[in-house]
Structure formats: structure tokens, C-alpha cells
Amino acid sequence: MNTSDDFMVEDRVKIYDFNMDSRETLQKYVENVPVVEPEGVRYLAKLLYILYSAE
């Protein structure tokens, strides 16, 4: 069964014309990307805004 990550990897392979052999490598990188909960993203965005506007 395919997961959404599999579909995302397949789309990137098609869009950027990657070699199909690179698909497995790309899949390994995708599996290592941390998933951040929406609440955490909101706080990180606020922190980034505060840090940027302090300059």
C-alpha cells in the first residue's frame, strides 16, 4: 500500500525528471524529515517573526 510520502516522492521524480534509480534515495531522505505538529509550527513562526523584526 502506498503512503502519501510515496506519492510525494513519485511526483517529485516526475516533476524534476529524476532518474528512477534515485527514487529509493529520495525516499530515504523523506523518511528522515521530522514531522512538526501544527502548534509547534505556529510557535516557531512567531519566534522567527520576533527574531527577524528585532533587527
C-alpha atoms as a PDB file:
ATOM      1  CA  MET A   1       0.000   0.000   0.000  1.00  0.00           C
ATOM      2  CA  ASN A   2       1.307   3.441  -0.899  1.00  0.00           C
ATOM      3  CA  THR A   3       1.540   6.203   1.651  1.00  0.00           C
ATOM      4  CA  SER A   4       1.264   9.914   0.969  1.00  0.00           C
ATOM      5  CA  ASP A   5       5.064  10.098   1.164  1.00  0.00           C
ATOM      6  CA  ASP A   6       5.315   7.580  -1.664  1.00  0.00           C
ATOM      7  CA  PHE A   7       3.048   9.712  -3.827  1.00  0.00           C
ATOM      8  CA  MET A   8       5.027  12.849  -2.982  1.00  0.00           C
ATOM      9  CA  VAL A   9       8.291  11.141  -3.944  1.00  0.00           C
ATOM     10  CA  GLU A  10       6.818   9.871  -7.206  1.00  0.00           C
ATOM     11  CA  ASP A  11       5.554  13.373  -8.043  1.00  0.00           C
ATOM     12  CA  ARG A  12       8.991  14.887  -7.412  1.00  0.00           C
ATOM     13  CA  VAL A  13      10.650  12.241  -9.571  1.00  0.00           C
ATOM     14  CA  LYS A  14       8.286  13.119 -12.427  1.00  0.00           C
ATOM     15  CA  ILE A  15       8.380  16.906 -11.979  1.00  0.00           C
ATOM     16  CA  TYR A  16      12.158  17.216 -11.709  1.00  0.00           C
ATOM     17  CA  ASP A  17      12.917  14.407 -14.143  1.00  0.00           C
ATOM     18  CA  PHE A  18      14.984  12.392 -11.652  1.00  0.00           C
ATOM     19  CA  ASN A  19      16.409   9.069 -12.613  1.00  0.00           C
ATOM     20  CA  MET A  20      14.091   6.329 -11.332  1.00  0.00           C
ATOM     21  CA  ASP A  21      17.090   4.794  -9.534  1.00  0.00           C
ATOM     22  CA  SER A  22      17.204   7.958  -7.409  1.00  0.00           C
ATOM     23  CA  ARG A  23      13.692   7.264  -6.152  1.00  0.00           C
ATOM     24  CA  GLU A  24      14.902   4.992  -3.348  1.00  0.00           C
ATOM     25  CA  THR A  25      17.495   7.536  -2.230  1.00  0.00           C
ATOM     26  CA  LEU A  26      14.907  10.304  -2.229  1.00  0.00           C
ATOM     27  CA  GLN A  27      12.539   8.092  -0.233  1.00  0.00           C
ATOM     28  CA  LYS A  28      15.231   7.570   2.422  1.00  0.00           C
ATOM     29  CA  TYR A  29      15.701  11.338   2.757  1.00  0.00           C
ATOM     30  CA  VAL A  30      11.946  11.894   3.050  1.00  0.00           C
ATOM     31  CA  GLU A  31      11.724   9.333   5.845  1.00  0.00           C
ATOM     32  CA  ASN A  32      14.335  11.318   7.820  1.00  0.00           C
ATOM     33  CA  VAL A  33      12.460  14.631   7.638  1.00  0.00           C
ATOM     34  CA  PRO A  34      10.964  15.369  11.062  1.00  0.00           C
ATOM     35  CA  VAL A  35       7.234  15.980  11.272  1.00  0.00           C
ATOM     36  CA  VAL A  36       6.351  19.035  13.334  1.00  0.00           C
ATOM     37  CA  GLU A  37       2.889  19.406  14.802  1.00  0.00           C
ATOM     38  CA  PRO A  38       0.898  22.486  13.661  1.00  0.00           C
ATOM     39  CA  GLU A  39       1.021  24.025  17.143  1.00  0.00           C
ATOM     40  CA  GLY A  40       4.806  23.779  17.140  1.00  0.00           C
ATOM     41  CA  VAL A  41       4.972  25.376  13.705  1.00  0.00           C
ATOM     42  CA  ARG A  42       2.854  28.276  14.927  1.00  0.00           C
ATOM     43  CA  TYR A  43       5.246  28.955  17.817  1.00  0.00           C
ATOM     44  CA  LEU A  44       8.301  28.578  15.600  1.00  0.00           C
ATOM     45  CA  ALA A  45       6.792  31.048  13.123  1.00  0.00           C
ATOM     46  CA  LYS A  46       6.144  33.551  15.916  1.00  0.00           C
ATOM     47  CA  LEU A  47       9.690  33.128  17.194  1.00  0.00           C
ATOM     48  CA  LEU A  48      11.098  33.632  13.709  1.00  0.00           C
ATOM     49  CA  TYR A  49       8.969  36.768  13.279  1.00  0.00           C
ATOM     50  CA  ILE A  50      10.185  38.177  16.610  1.00  0.00           C
ATOM     51  CA  LEU A  51      13.805  37.457  15.795  1.00  0.00           C
ATOM     52  CA  TYR A  52      13.514  38.941  12.307  1.00  0.00           C
ATOM     53  CA  SER A  53      11.713  42.089  13.393  1.00  0.00           C
ATOM     54  CA  ALA A  54      14.299  42.734  16.134  1.00  0.00           C
ATOM     55  CA  GLU A  55      16.913  43.714  13.548  1.00  0.00           C
END
